[in-house]
Amino acid sequence: MDVNLINPILVAFADILPQIGFEKVEKKNISLVGSTFNYDGVLINLAVVGSIKGVIMIGMDLDSAKRFASKMMMGMEVADFDALAQSAVSEMGNMVCANACTQFAKIGINGLDISPPTIMIGQGGQATLPVPQTIVIHFSVDGIEVKVYVGLV
């Protein structure tokens, strides 16, 4: 995978999250994993189609997802990761990926579209992306650890 494909996603993440109530978005590090990886908690899955193809997934543990949803819902307590909380974090994924498509267009990669977000929740889960390797971008968002998995070709 071309590592230059992550820059529009980094820009989108940093642009969108402050617009929805987050103050401090820090990129911690970037790592590379194979096409299959394990997860605990929540994964938001968005497919990308067009001149580049693949998936962008946003992951966090369940407690972090509750904190993230609470922040998005103006501080409302989120005791359970229910349908409303799931909708909030799904919409964040949708907004970030839509903005990433705009960022890709700015560098000449046009005609991209994204799928509606799909949420996967579980402990000891495993995800397999349709690419040989996946780039993982580790963020701290107002102290909440978030991983963005990028598998685009």
Protein backbone atom coordinates (compact mmCIF):
# COMPACT_ATOMS: atom_id res chain seq x y z
CA MET A 1 0.00 0.00 0.00
CA ASP A 2 1.21 3.48 -0.87
CA VAL A 3 1.85 5.28 2.44
CA ASN A 4 0.89 8.57 0.75
CA LEU A 5 -2.69 7.31 0.88
CA ILE A 6 -2.78 7.95 4.62
CA ASN A 7 -2.16 11.71 4.51
CA PRO A 8 -5.72 12.63 3.42
CA ILE A 9 -7.05 10.46 6.26
CA LEU A 10 -4.77 12.15 8.79
CA VAL A 11 -5.96 15.56 7.60
CA ALA A 12 -9.62 14.48 7.70
CA PHE A 13 -9.32 13.10 11.24
CA ALA A 14 -7.64 16.30 12.47
CA ASP A 15 -10.21 18.50 10.65
CA ILE A 16 -13.43 16.74 11.64
CA LEU A 17 -12.96 15.84 15.31
CA PRO A 18 -12.62 19.46 16.52
CA GLN A 19 -15.83 20.25 14.64
CA ILE A 20 -17.72 17.67 16.72
CA GLY A 21 -16.50 18.75 20.14
CA PHE A 22 -13.02 17.30 20.61
CA GLU A 23 -10.19 19.62 21.58
CA LYS A 24 -6.95 17.69 21.36
CA VAL A 25 -6.29 15.30 18.47
CA GLU A 26 -2.77 13.89 18.62
CA LYS A 27 -1.22 11.40 16.22
CA LYS A 28 0.84 9.11 18.44
CA ASN A 29 2.45 6.71 15.98
CA ILE A 30 1.96 4.67 12.85
CA SER A 31 2.49 0.94 12.56
CA LEU A 32 2.09 -1.74 9.95
CA VAL A 33 0.19 -5.00 10.43
CA GLY A 34 -0.80 -7.77 8.07
CA SER A 35 -4.18 -8.08 6.46
CA THR A 36 -5.60 -9.77 9.59
CA PHE A 37 -5.57 -8.24 13.06
CA ASN A 38 -7.27 -8.80 16.41
CA TYR A 39 -9.45 -6.26 18.18
CA ASP A 40 -11.31 -5.81 21.44
CA GLY A 41 -14.15 -3.32 21.57
CA VAL A 42 -15.60 -1.40 18.67
CA LEU A 43 -14.62 -1.20 15.00
CA ILE A 44 -16.34 1.17 12.60
CA ASN A 45 -15.95 -0.21 9.08
CA LEU A 46 -16.27 1.94 5.95
CA ALA A 47 -15.55 0.60 2.48
CA VAL A 48 -13.95 2.88 -0.11
CA VAL A 49 -14.65 2.35 -3.82
CA GLY A 50 -13.54 4.19 -6.92
CA SER A 51 -10.06 4.83 -8.27
CA ILE A 52 -8.71 3.44 -4.98
CA LYS A 53 -10.40 0.63 -3.12
CA GLY A 54 -10.35 -0.92 0.30
CA VAL A 55 -11.46 -0.09 3.81
CA ILE A 56 -10.94 2.40 6.57
CA MET A 57 -11.73 1.15 10.07
CA ILE A 58 -11.79 3.17 13.27
CA GLY A 59 -11.33 1.17 16.47
CA MET A 60 -11.38 1.71 20.21
CA ASP A 61 -12.12 -0.32 23.30
CA LEU A 62 -15.69 -0.33 24.59
CA ASP A 63 -15.14 2.11 27.46
CA SER A 64 -13.39 4.50 25.10
CA ALA A 65 -16.30 4.21 22.65
CA LYS A 66 -18.71 5.16 25.43
CA ARG A 67 -16.54 8.17 26.37
CA PHE A 68 -16.28 9.14 22.69
CA ALA A 69 -20.06 8.95 22.22
CA SER A 70 -20.64 10.93 25.42
CA LYS A 71 -18.38 13.71 24.19
CA MET A 72 -20.19 13.77 20.84
CA MET A 73 -23.55 13.97 22.64
CA MET A 74 -22.57 17.10 24.61
CA GLY A 75 -21.52 15.22 27.74
CA MET A 76 -24.62 13.06 28.09
CA GLU A 77 -23.81 10.01 30.22
CA VAL A 78 -23.35 6.83 28.18
CA ALA A 79 -23.65 3.88 30.53
CA ASP A 80 -24.33 1.35 27.76
CA PHE A 81 -23.05 1.36 24.21
CA ASP A 82 -26.64 1.36 22.96
CA ALA A 83 -28.12 2.29 19.57
CA LEU A 84 -27.78 6.04 20.22
CA ALA A 85 -24.10 5.75 21.21
CA GLN A 86 -23.45 3.47 18.24
CA SER A 87 -25.11 5.98 15.92
CA ALA A 88 -22.91 8.77 17.27
CA VAL A 89 -19.61 7.00 16.68
CA SER A 90 -20.84 5.68 13.32
CA GLU A 91 -21.59 9.23 12.23
CA MET A 92 -18.09 10.29 13.26
CA GLY A 93 -16.68 7.56 11.02
CA ASN A 94 -18.93 8.67 8.19
CA MET A 95 -17.84 12.31 8.56
CA VAL A 96 -14.13 11.48 8.73
CA CYS A 97 -14.23 9.22 5.69
CA ALA A 98 -16.36 11.63 3.64
CA ASN A 99 -13.87 14.38 4.45
CA ALA A 100 -11.01 12.02 3.50
CA CYS A 101 -12.63 11.61 0.06
CA THR A 102 -12.61 15.40 -0.26
CA GLN A 103 -8.93 15.46 0.77
CA PHE A 104 -8.14 12.76 -1.82
CA ALA A 105 -9.84 14.88 -4.50
CA LYS A 106 -7.57 17.80 -3.58
CA ILE A 107 -4.56 15.68 -4.54
CA GLY A 108 -6.12 14.44 -7.77
CA ILE A 109 -7.68 11.16 -6.63
CA ASN A 110 -11.26 11.66 -7.73
CA GLY A 111 -14.43 9.61 -7.94
CA LEU A 112 -14.29 7.98 -4.50
CA ASP A 113 -17.34 6.87 -2.60
CA ILE A 114 -17.79 5.32 0.83
CA SER A 115 -20.23 2.77 2.18
CA PRO A 116 -22.47 3.48 5.14
CA PRO A 117 -20.62 2.65 8.37
CA THR A 118 -20.90 -0.83 9.82
CA ILE A 119 -20.17 -1.30 13.52
CA MET A 120 -18.58 -4.44 14.86
CA ILE A 121 -18.54 -4.94 18.63
CA GLY A 122 -16.79 -7.77 20.39
CA GLN A 123 -13.98 -9.10 22.52
CA GLY A 124 -11.31 -11.26 20.95
CA GLY A 125 -12.54 -10.36 17.46
CA GLN A 126 -10.56 -10.66 14.30
CA ALA A 127 -10.79 -8.52 11.17
CA THR A 128 -9.31 -9.32 7.78
CA LEU A 129 -8.91 -6.54 5.23
CA PRO A 130 -8.68 -7.11 1.47
CA VAL A 131 -5.07 -5.88 1.27
CA PRO A 132 -1.70 -7.51 2.00
CA GLN A 133 -0.83 -5.01 4.73
CA THR A 134 -2.73 -2.52 6.85
CA ILE A 135 -1.42 0.78 8.18
CA VAL A 136 -2.55 1.54 11.74
CA ILE A 137 -2.54 5.16 12.89
CA HIS A 138 -2.68 5.53 16.67
CA PHE A 139 -4.37 8.70 17.97
CA SER A 140 -5.11 10.19 21.34
CA VAL A 141 -8.34 12.20 21.14
CA ASP A 142 -8.91 14.14 24.35
CA GLY A 143 -7.15 11.26 26.10
CA ILE A 144 -9.18 8.55 24.33
CA GLU A 145 -7.05 6.02 22.45
CA VAL A 146 -8.28 5.53 18.89
CA LYS A 147 -6.80 3.41 16.12
CA VAL A 148 -7.45 4.07 12.45
CA TYR A 149 -6.82 1.07 10.20
CA VAL A 150 -6.17 1.91 6.55
CA GLY A 151 -6.24 -0.78 3.90
CA LEU A 152 -6.38 0.95 0.52
CA VAL A 153 -4.98 0.05 -2.90
